[in-house]
């Protein structure tokens, strides 16, 4: 594969950049046409790589891209990825145009990388599968049936895909769902995610008076929705960093000492972590270290808060309304719908009578675990060990890919997460990038997975 990469890398860049230039932002209605353009481009690339069939498929929301290659084999690999991306804002933080991809060196390390929104999450990692498939097919080494499903709504919680998967359950039948949409724990040692957290995402609206009021005439006499919202948010954690919502931890499974020791095999340098984030200290639930807090423990965070006047200069008003967006990352067995309901009930229960509180659910999805004893996991481990020169560590991802838990339940097939991103890639943030060495190592590892699976 190394020789094939060197001979074709300029073409690879041109093809990947054609995807990265399309602003397929699923969260913004003005990009609906771009979603179809990106889906159509993926169909072209699938056909050029050698798929028997490839098509843009309608859903209730953004389209799905489906493709397949029937080799008449016993085993079938279903490759999942997503072509939608996060909004690029704040634009002023980007060193380059987020939708004009460039090859440039990392200012910190001098390593070559691809810079663009979606370079890693998930167009770059999705693209690795296309090229691994192309190589195996052209060199006569493909010995599995391969199916592809690329969705356009992962970044908004995949609202339309579960229904589409149920409707096409027979079409999607496979032995493993192969995914590259995650990061490794460390640059020093590769890892394979054997589980991910779920998600419950909500918006809180706190309403006070029926209009904005003069802060001099009414301040101190009428409840300020921003103040009340801040008090509500502050009450959601206790002094030990635990979420105070009754019932929140009821379904959380406490890992054994042996399982915690296995998780902590992963190399982790706390000082390096703090330096990378430019923070003096970490903070989280008492009794757990940083790796555990982001993998095996649930959490609650405010992702946005606003209200009142935020423009230039002063405007002395007491606002009528304040808002917050709240994200709760959940561990396996915590059900997103149940946690959402507990949150709604708790806020209504503790809301003071001086304001009205409304909670609107947005995204949601459950977490999942896969056995590291499976043949697919062992094949992936052997492949990555051969490429990286060291055995990968089994890890749990702190993020969420809600649709994978749904697909696991609907299809009865376990997902396998061979992700090649790194924390330095700053996915979802300005200056997203993907190191070339990881981009190429990913292709090599995927080729070997098919060899050993």
Protein backbone atom coordinates (compact mmCIF):
# COMPACT_ATOMS: atom_id res chain seq x y z
CA UNK A 1 0.00 0.00 0.00
CA UNK A 2 2.90 2.38 0.69
CA UNK A 3 3.99 2.22 -2.96
CA UNK A 4 0.42 2.76 -4.16
CA UNK A 5 0.05 5.80 -1.90
CA UNK A 6 3.27 7.36 -3.17
CA UNK A 7 2.29 6.79 -6.79
CA UNK A 8 -1.23 8.20 -6.34
CA UNK A 9 -1.05 10.70 -3.47
CA UNK A 10 -1.45 13.79 -5.66
CA UNK A 11 -4.64 12.29 -7.08
CA UNK A 12 -5.76 11.41 -3.57
CA UNK A 13 -5.32 15.02 -2.49
CA UNK A 14 -7.25 16.34 -5.50
CA UNK A 15 -10.14 13.95 -4.85
CA UNK A 16 -10.29 14.61 -1.11
CA UNK A 17 -10.02 18.36 -1.62
CA UNK A 18 -13.00 18.22 -3.99
CA UNK A 19 -15.02 16.98 -0.99
CA UNK A 20 -13.52 19.41 1.50
CA UNK A 21 -14.36 22.41 -0.67
CA UNK A 22 -18.09 21.66 -0.36
CA UNK A 23 -19.52 23.38 2.78
CA UNK A 24 -21.76 20.47 3.76
CA UNK A 25 -22.90 21.97 7.07
CA UNK A 26 -25.95 19.93 8.04
CA UNK A 27 -27.00 22.29 10.84
CA UNK A 28 -27.57 25.26 8.53
CA UNK A 29 -30.51 25.30 6.14
CA UNK A 30 -28.70 27.48 3.59
CA UNK A 31 -26.36 24.54 2.86
CA UNK A 32 -29.08 22.09 1.75
CA UNK A 33 -27.89 22.23 -1.87
CA UNK A 34 -24.31 21.67 -0.71
CA UNK A 35 -25.39 18.48 1.04
CA UNK A 36 -26.65 17.08 -2.25
CA UNK A 37 -23.50 18.23 -4.08
CA UNK A 38 -21.31 16.45 -1.56
CA UNK A 39 -23.42 13.28 -1.71
CA UNK A 40 -23.24 13.28 -5.51
CA UNK A 41 -19.46 13.70 -5.41
CA UNK A 42 -19.17 10.70 -3.07
CA UNK A 43 -21.19 8.62 -5.52
CA UNK A 44 -18.70 9.55 -8.26
CA UNK A 45 -15.75 8.60 -6.06
CA UNK A 46 -17.34 5.26 -5.09
CA UNK A 47 -17.89 4.35 -8.72
CA UNK A 48 -14.36 5.41 -9.68
CA UNK A 49 -12.98 3.26 -6.86
CA UNK A 50 -14.78 0.22 -8.25
CA UNK A 51 -18.16 -0.07 -6.53
CA UNK A 52 -20.77 -2.11 -8.43
CA UNK A 53 -23.42 0.39 -7.48
CA UNK A 54 -23.57 3.77 -5.77
CA UNK A 55 -26.49 6.15 -5.35
CA UNK A 56 -27.83 9.15 -3.48
CA UNK A 57 -30.77 7.95 -1.37
CA UNK A 58 -33.47 10.24 -0.01
CA UNK A 59 -34.35 10.34 3.69
CA UNK A 60 -36.64 12.59 5.70
CA UNK A 61 -33.65 14.91 6.03
CA UNK A 62 -30.31 15.08 4.26
CA UNK A 63 -29.54 12.26 1.81
CA UNK A 64 -27.67 9.02 2.43
CA UNK A 65 -25.03 7.70 0.04
CA UNK A 66 -25.11 3.93 -0.45
CA UNK A 67 -22.66 1.83 -2.42
CA UNK A 68 -21.62 -1.81 -2.62
CA UNK A 69 -19.26 -4.35 -4.15
CA UNK A 70 -20.37 -7.97 -4.27
CA UNK A 71 -17.43 -10.37 -4.33
CA UNK A 72 -19.54 -13.46 -3.68
CA UNK A 73 -17.77 -13.80 -0.35
CA UNK A 74 -18.94 -15.23 2.98
CA UNK A 75 -18.19 -12.07 4.98
CA UNK A 76 -19.53 -8.58 4.40
CA UNK A 77 -18.03 -5.36 5.77
CA UNK A 78 -20.34 -2.34 6.10
CA UNK A 79 -18.34 0.89 6.08
CA UNK A 80 -20.03 3.80 7.86
CA UNK A 81 -19.01 7.44 7.65
CA UNK A 82 -20.56 10.90 7.46
CA UNK A 83 -20.02 13.72 4.98
CA UNK A 84 -21.63 16.53 6.95
CA UNK A 85 -19.39 18.86 8.94
CA UNK A 86 -19.62 21.25 11.86
CA UNK A 87 -20.19 24.97 11.20
CA UNK A 88 -16.79 26.66 10.78
CA UNK A 89 -17.45 29.63 13.07
CA UNK A 90 -15.71 31.56 14.57
CA UNK A 91 -14.15 32.31 11.18
CA UNK A 92 -11.69 34.85 12.56
CA UNK A 93 -9.91 32.05 14.45
CA UNK A 94 -8.97 30.16 11.27
CA UNK A 95 -5.51 30.66 9.79
CA UNK A 96 -6.86 29.57 6.36
CA UNK A 97 -10.24 29.46 4.64
CA UNK A 98 -12.05 26.47 6.27
CA UNK A 99 -13.46 25.37 2.91
CA UNK A 100 -10.34 25.90 0.83
CA UNK A 101 -8.15 22.94 1.88
CA UNK A 102 -4.40 23.34 1.97
CA UNK A 103 -1.36 21.17 2.64
CA UNK A 104 0.80 22.95 5.19
CA UNK A 105 3.07 22.24 8.11
CA UNK A 106 1.84 22.23 11.68
CA UNK A 107 3.24 25.42 13.28
CA UNK A 108 3.95 23.53 16.50
CA UNK A 109 5.65 20.41 15.14
CA UNK A 110 6.56 21.11 11.52
CA UNK A 111 4.70 17.99 10.36
CA UNK A 112 2.73 18.03 7.11
CA UNK A 113 -1.05 18.13 7.49
CA UNK A 114 -4.26 18.77 5.56
CA UNK A 115 -6.06 21.85 6.89
CA UNK A 116 -9.82 22.34 6.34
CA UNK A 117 -13.18 21.82 7.98
CA UNK A 118 -13.81 18.08 7.65
CA UNK A 119 -10.15 17.23 7.05
CA UNK A 120 -10.42 14.76 9.91
CA UNK A 121 -14.10 14.70 10.93
CA UNK A 122 -15.11 12.87 8.89
CA UNK A 123 -14.32 13.42 5.22
CA UNK A 124 -10.61 12.70 5.62
CA UNK A 125 -11.16 9.49 7.56
CA UNK A 126 -14.05 8.43 5.32
CA UNK A 127 -11.81 8.94 2.30
CA UNK A 128 -9.23 6.49 3.68
CA UNK A 129 -11.80 3.71 3.30
CA UNK A 130 -12.42 4.59 -0.34
CA UNK A 131 -8.71 4.38 -1.16
CA UNK A 132 -8.12 1.18 0.83
CA UNK A 133 -11.05 -0.38 -1.04
CA UNK A 134 -9.72 0.90 -4.37
CA UNK A 135 -6.26 -0.54 -3.69
CA UNK A 136 -7.56 -3.96 -2.65
CA UNK A 137 -9.82 -4.18 -5.67
CA UNK A 138 -7.21 -3.06 -8.21
CA UNK A 139 -4.57 -5.41 -6.84
CA UNK A 140 -6.92 -8.40 -6.68
CA UNK A 141 -6.73 -8.67 -2.89
CA UNK A 142 -10.33 -7.89 -1.95
CA UNK A 143 -11.91 -11.05 -0.56
CA UNK A 144 -14.95 -9.62 1.25
CA UNK A 145 -18.19 -8.08 0.13
CA UNK A 146 -18.15 -4.38 0.97
CA UNK A 147 -21.05 -2.00 1.52
CA UNK A 148 -20.85 1.73 2.18
CA UNK A 149 -23.26 4.01 3.98
CA UNK A 150 -22.33 7.68 4.26
CA UNK A 151 -24.83 9.94 5.99
CA UNK A 152 -25.31 13.70 6.04
CA UNK A 153 -26.70 14.25 9.54
CA UNK A 154 -24.21 12.85 12.07
CA UNK A 155 -23.29 16.31 13.32
CA UNK A 156 -26.95 17.00 14.18
CA UNK A 157 -27.64 13.65 15.83
CA UNK A 158 -28.62 11.52 12.79
CA UNK A 159 -32.37 12.17 13.14
CA UNK A 160 -33.32 10.58 9.80
CA UNK A 161 -30.95 7.62 9.59
CA UNK A 162 -32.51 5.13 12.06
CA UNK A 163 -35.74 5.05 10.04
CA UNK A 164 -33.77 4.63 6.79
CA UNK A 165 -31.70 1.81 8.29
CA UNK A 166 -34.86 0.03 9.49
CA UNK A 167 -36.41 0.37 6.04
CA UNK A 168 -33.27 -1.03 4.37
CA UNK A 169 -32.30 -3.58 7.01
CA UNK A 170 -31.85 -6.42 4.50
CA UNK A 171 -29.80 -4.22 2.15
CA UNK A 172 -27.41 -3.33 4.99
CA UNK A 173 -26.91 -6.85 6.33
CA UNK A 174 -23.24 -7.30 7.26
CA UNK A 175 -20.86 -9.02 9.65
CA UNK A 176 -19.22 -5.86 11.01
CA UNK A 177 -19.76 -2.10 10.80
CA UNK A 178 -16.34 -0.56 10.14
CA UNK A 179 -15.99 3.06 11.24
CA UNK A 180 -13.23 5.67 11.22
CA UNK A 181 -14.67 8.70 13.00
CA UNK A 182 -12.72 8.77 16.25
CA UNK A 183 -9.35 9.73 17.68
CA UNK A 184 -6.50 7.81 19.24
CA UNK A 185 -5.64 8.37 22.88
CA UNK A 186 -2.05 9.33 22.14
CA UNK A 187 0.38 9.95 19.33
CA UNK A 188 2.75 7.54 21.09
CA UNK A 189 0.51 4.48 21.15
CA UNK A 190 -2.41 3.61 18.82
CA UNK A 191 -5.79 2.69 20.27
CA UNK A 192 -9.08 1.16 19.18
CA UNK A 193 -12.34 2.40 20.65
CA UNK A 194 -14.39 -0.44 22.10
CA UNK A 195 -17.18 1.82 23.30
CA UNK A 196 -18.53 5.36 23.19
CA UNK A 197 -20.69 7.54 25.38
CA UNK A 198 -24.26 8.49 24.57
CA UNK A 199 -25.67 12.01 24.45
CA UNK A 200 -28.63 14.04 25.65
CA UNK A 201 -28.61 17.63 24.36
CA UNK A 202 -31.20 20.21 25.40
CA UNK A 203 -31.97 23.91 25.36
CA UNK A 204 -33.16 25.72 28.48
CA UNK A 205 -35.22 28.91 28.23
CA UNK A 206 -35.84 31.05 31.31
CA UNK A 207 -38.44 33.81 30.98
CA UNK A 208 -38.99 36.60 33.49
CA UNK A 209 -40.86 39.85 32.76
CA UNK A 210 -42.81 40.24 29.53
CA UNK A 211 -40.26 42.69 28.08
CA UNK A 212 -36.75 44.02 28.69
CA UNK A 213 -36.78 46.46 31.61
CA UNK A 214 -34.74 49.49 32.67
CA UNK A 215 -32.18 48.11 35.10
CA UNK A 216 -32.36 51.23 37.24
CA UNK A 217 -36.14 51.23 37.55
CA UNK A 218 -36.56 47.49 38.07
CA UNK A 219 -33.19 46.08 39.11
CA UNK A 220 -33.40 44.42 42.52
CA UNK A 221 -37.19 44.22 42.40
CA UNK A 222 -37.82 41.84 39.48
CA UNK A 223 -36.10 38.49 38.85
CA UNK A 224 -33.35 38.69 36.23
CA UNK A 225 -33.63 35.58 33.98
CA UNK A 226 -29.85 35.50 33.44
CA UNK A 227 -29.21 35.48 37.19
CA UNK A 228 -31.83 32.78 37.74
CA UNK A 229 -30.48 30.68 34.87
CA UNK A 230 -26.95 30.90 36.29
CA UNK A 231 -28.23 29.81 39.70
CA UNK A 232 -30.04 26.83 38.17
CA UNK A 233 -26.93 25.79 36.25
CA UNK A 234 -24.69 26.17 39.30
CA UNK A 235 -26.96 23.85 41.27
CA UNK A 236 -26.55 20.99 38.78
CA UNK A 237 -23.20 19.91 40.29
CA UNK A 238 -22.20 19.31 43.88
CA UNK A 239 -18.83 20.11 45.44
CA UNK A 240 -17.47 16.70 44.34
CA UNK A 241 -18.30 17.34 40.68
CA UNK A 242 -21.26 14.94 40.63
CA UNK A 243 -24.47 15.77 38.79
CA UNK A 244 -27.26 16.50 41.27
CA UNK A 245 -30.23 15.39 39.14
CA UNK A 246 -32.05 12.64 41.10
CA UNK A 247 -31.72 9.29 39.34
CA UNK A 248 -28.93 10.47 37.03
CA UNK A 249 -26.50 7.74 38.17
CA UNK A 250 -29.06 4.95 38.68
CA UNK A 251 -28.02 2.99 35.56
CA UNK A 252 -24.30 3.81 35.62
CA UNK A 253 -22.21 0.65 35.94
CA UNK A 254 -19.22 0.97 38.24
CA UNK A 255 -16.20 -0.66 36.63
CA UNK A 256 -14.17 -3.18 38.55
CA UNK A 257 -10.61 -2.42 39.62
CA UNK A 258 -9.35 -4.75 36.88
CA UNK A 259 -11.35 -2.98 34.17
CA UNK A 260 -10.16 0.41 35.38
CA UNK A 261 -6.59 -0.85 35.32
CA UNK A 262 -7.07 -2.03 31.71
CA UNK A 263 -8.37 1.39 30.71
CA UNK A 264 -5.42 3.08 32.40
CA UNK A 265 -2.91 1.06 30.39
CA UNK A 266 -3.22 3.86 27.89
CA UNK A 267 -0.30 6.29 28.03
CA UNK A 268 -1.37 9.59 29.52
CA UNK A 269 0.77 12.52 30.60
CA UNK A 270 -1.24 14.90 32.79
CA UNK A 271 1.35 17.66 32.55
CA UNK A 272 1.38 17.40 28.74
CA UNK A 273 -2.43 17.45 28.76
CA UNK A 274 -2.52 20.64 30.84
CA UNK A 275 0.12 22.28 28.70
CA UNK A 276 -1.75 21.40 25.50
CA UNK A 277 -4.91 23.05 26.86
CA UNK A 278 -3.07 25.92 28.60
CA UNK A 279 -4.74 25.22 31.95
CA UNK A 280 -3.22 25.02 35.42
CA UNK A 281 -5.40 22.23 36.78
CA UNK A 282 -7.95 19.67 35.60
CA UNK A 283 -11.36 19.42 37.22
CA UNK A 284 -14.00 16.71 37.33
CA UNK A 285 -15.83 14.10 39.36
CA UNK A 286 -14.02 13.22 42.58
CA UNK A 287 -12.53 9.73 42.74
CA UNK A 288 -11.70 9.40 39.04
CA UNK A 289 -8.74 10.43 36.92
CA UNK A 290 -8.89 12.36 33.65
CA UNK A 291 -9.01 9.31 31.38
CA UNK A 292 -11.81 7.78 33.42
CA UNK A 293 -13.80 11.00 33.57
CA UNK A 294 -13.87 11.21 29.76
CA UNK A 295 -14.53 7.54 29.09
CA UNK A 296 -16.42 5.65 31.79
CA UNK A 297 -18.21 8.45 33.63
CA UNK A 298 -21.15 10.62 32.55
CA UNK A 299 -21.00 14.39 32.67
CA UNK A 300 -23.10 17.53 32.24
CA UNK A 301 -21.83 20.68 30.57
CA UNK A 302 -23.24 24.00 29.41
CA UNK A 303 -22.26 24.46 25.76
CA UNK A 304 -23.74 27.92 25.28
CA UNK A 305 -25.43 30.64 27.32
CA UNK A 306 -26.90 33.96 26.25
CA UNK A 307 -29.41 36.69 26.98
CA UNK A 308 -29.70 40.43 27.35
CA UNK A 309 -27.51 42.96 25.56
CA UNK A 310 -24.10 41.78 24.30
CA UNK A 311 -23.27 44.47 21.74
CA UNK A 312 -20.69 47.22 21.96
CA UNK A 313 -20.93 49.73 24.77
CA UNK A 314 -23.54 49.76 27.52
CA UNK A 315 -27.27 49.18 27.48
CA UNK A 316 -28.74 49.11 30.97
CA UNK A 317 -31.53 46.58 30.56
CA UNK A 318 -32.82 43.76 32.66
CA UNK A 319 -33.51 41.04 30.01
CA UNK A 320 -36.83 39.31 29.54
CA UNK A 321 -35.34 35.95 28.48
CA UNK A 322 -32.13 33.93 28.94
CA UNK A 323 -31.05 30.70 27.26
CA UNK A 324 -28.56 27.88 27.72
CA UNK A 325 -27.65 24.78 25.73
CA UNK A 326 -26.81 21.76 27.86
CA UNK A 327 -24.93 18.61 26.83
CA UNK A 328 -24.95 15.43 28.91
CA UNK A 329 -22.55 12.68 27.88
CA UNK A 330 -23.86 9.30 29.00
CA UNK A 331 -22.25 5.93 29.58
CA UNK A 332 -23.68 2.62 28.31
CA UNK A 333 -26.95 1.59 30.02
CA UNK A 334 -27.90 5.22 30.61
CA UNK A 335 -30.76 5.82 28.19
CA UNK A 336 -30.81 9.22 26.52
CA UNK A 337 -34.62 9.52 26.62
CA UNK A 338 -34.71 8.68 30.32
CA UNK A 339 -31.98 11.16 31.24
CA UNK A 340 -33.67 13.86 29.16
CA UNK A 341 -36.90 13.34 31.07
CA UNK A 342 -35.08 13.40 34.44
CA UNK A 343 -33.43 16.69 33.47
CA UNK A 344 -36.74 18.26 32.41
CA UNK A 345 -38.51 17.17 35.57
CA UNK A 346 -35.67 18.32 37.81
CA UNK A 347 -35.48 21.82 36.33
CA UNK A 348 -39.23 22.28 36.60
CA UNK A 349 -39.07 21.10 40.22
CA UNK A 350 -36.32 23.50 41.28
CA UNK A 351 -37.37 26.50 39.15
CA UNK A 352 -38.27 29.48 41.36
CA UNK A 353 -41.80 30.93 40.93
CA UNK A 354 -40.37 34.28 39.79
CA UNK A 355 -39.50 32.86 36.33
CA UNK A 356 -40.85 30.34 33.82
CA UNK A 357 -38.53 27.53 32.72
CA UNK A 358 -38.89 25.57 29.46
CA UNK A 359 -36.66 22.68 28.36
CA UNK A 360 -36.52 21.64 24.69
CA UNK A 361 -34.74 18.38 23.76
CA UNK A 362 -32.51 18.45 20.67
CA UNK A 363 -30.09 15.60 19.96
CA UNK A 364 -30.01 12.29 21.78
CA UNK A 365 -28.56 8.81 21.53
CA UNK A 366 -27.32 5.90 23.60
CA UNK A 367 -23.77 4.69 24.16
CA UNK A 368 -22.47 1.23 23.31
CA UNK A 369 -19.75 -1.32 24.05
CA UNK A 370 -18.20 -4.01 21.83
CA UNK A 371 -16.25 -7.11 22.91
CA UNK A 372 -12.49 -6.93 22.43
CA UNK A 373 -12.47 -10.71 22.03
CA UNK A 374 -14.29 -10.52 18.68
CA UNK A 375 -12.60 -11.60 15.46
CA UNK A 376 -13.06 -8.12 13.98
CA UNK A 377 -11.38 -6.42 16.93
CA UNK A 378 -8.48 -8.88 16.84
CA UNK A 379 -8.03 -8.31 13.10
CA UNK A 380 -7.97 -4.55 13.63
CA UNK A 381 -5.50 -4.88 16.49
CA UNK A 382 -3.18 -7.05 14.41
CA UNK A 383 -3.39 -4.62 11.47
CA UNK A 384 -2.60 -1.53 13.53
CA UNK A 385 0.19 -3.30 15.41
CA UNK A 386 1.83 -4.10 12.08
CA UNK A 387 1.60 -0.49 10.87
CA UNK A 388 2.53 1.25 14.14
CA UNK A 389 4.95 -1.32 15.52
CA UNK A 390 3.10 -1.66 18.82
CA UNK A 391 -0.13 -3.30 19.94
CA UNK A 392 -3.04 -0.84 20.15
CA UNK A 393 -4.71 -0.20 23.48
CA UNK A 394 -8.46 -0.85 23.86
CA UNK A 395 -10.08 2.44 24.80
CA UNK A 396 -13.46 4.05 25.28
CA UNK A 397 -14.33 7.19 23.39
CA UNK A 398 -15.60 10.18 25.34
CA UNK A 399 -17.60 11.50 22.40
CA UNK A 400 -20.77 10.15 20.86
CA UNK A 401 -21.82 8.68 17.53
CA UNK A 402 -25.44 8.09 18.42
CA UNK A 403 -26.37 6.32 15.21
CA UNK A 404 -23.94 3.45 15.85
CA UNK A 405 -25.91 2.30 18.89
CA UNK A 406 -29.07 2.44 16.76
CA UNK A 407 -27.45 0.49 13.93
CA UNK A 408 -26.12 -2.08 16.38
CA UNK A 409 -29.67 -2.67 17.68
CA UNK A 410 -31.44 -2.59 14.29
CA UNK A 411 -28.95 -4.68 12.32
CA UNK A 412 -27.67 -6.89 15.13
CA UNK A 413 -24.13 -6.05 14.04
CA UNK A 414 -21.34 -4.64 16.19
CA UNK A 415 -19.47 -1.51 15.12
CA UNK A 416 -15.66 -1.50 15.06
CA UNK A 417 -14.05 1.92 15.50
CA UNK A 418 -10.64 2.23 13.84
CA UNK A 419 -10.09 5.97 14.22
CA UNK A 420 -6.87 7.72 13.22
CA UNK A 421 -7.43 11.27 14.42
CA UNK A 422 -5.43 12.90 17.18
CA UNK A 423 -6.39 15.49 19.77
CA UNK A 424 -4.17 18.02 18.01
CA UNK A 425 -6.52 17.85 15.01
CA UNK A 426 -9.01 20.17 16.83
CA UNK A 427 -12.14 18.73 15.25
CA UNK A 428 -15.26 20.91 15.75
CA UNK A 429 -12.93 23.87 16.31
CA UNK A 430 -11.06 26.34 14.09
CA UNK A 431 -7.99 25.09 12.23
CA UNK A 432 -9.11 21.48 11.96
CA UNK A 433 -6.43 19.36 10.36
CA UNK A 434 -5.25 15.80 9.72
CA UNK A 435 -1.59 14.78 9.82
CA UNK A 436 -0.47 13.14 6.60
CA UNK A 437 1.32 10.38 8.48
CA UNK A 438 -1.98 9.47 10.17
CA UNK A 439 -3.89 9.79 6.90
CA UNK A 440 -1.55 7.34 5.18
CA UNK A 441 -1.19 5.03 8.21
CA UNK A 442 -4.97 4.80 8.30
CA UNK A 443 -5.11 3.56 4.72
CA UNK A 444 -2.40 0.98 5.40
CA UNK A 445 -4.16 -0.23 8.57
CA UNK A 446 -7.51 -0.59 6.81
CA UNK A 447 -5.95 -2.64 4.00
CA UNK A 448 -4.45 -4.99 6.60
CA UNK A 449 -7.74 -5.23 8.45
CA UNK A 450 -9.31 -6.78 5.36
CA UNK A 451 -6.33 -9.13 5.12
CA UNK A 452 -6.70 -10.41 8.68
CA UNK A 453 -10.49 -10.31 9.05
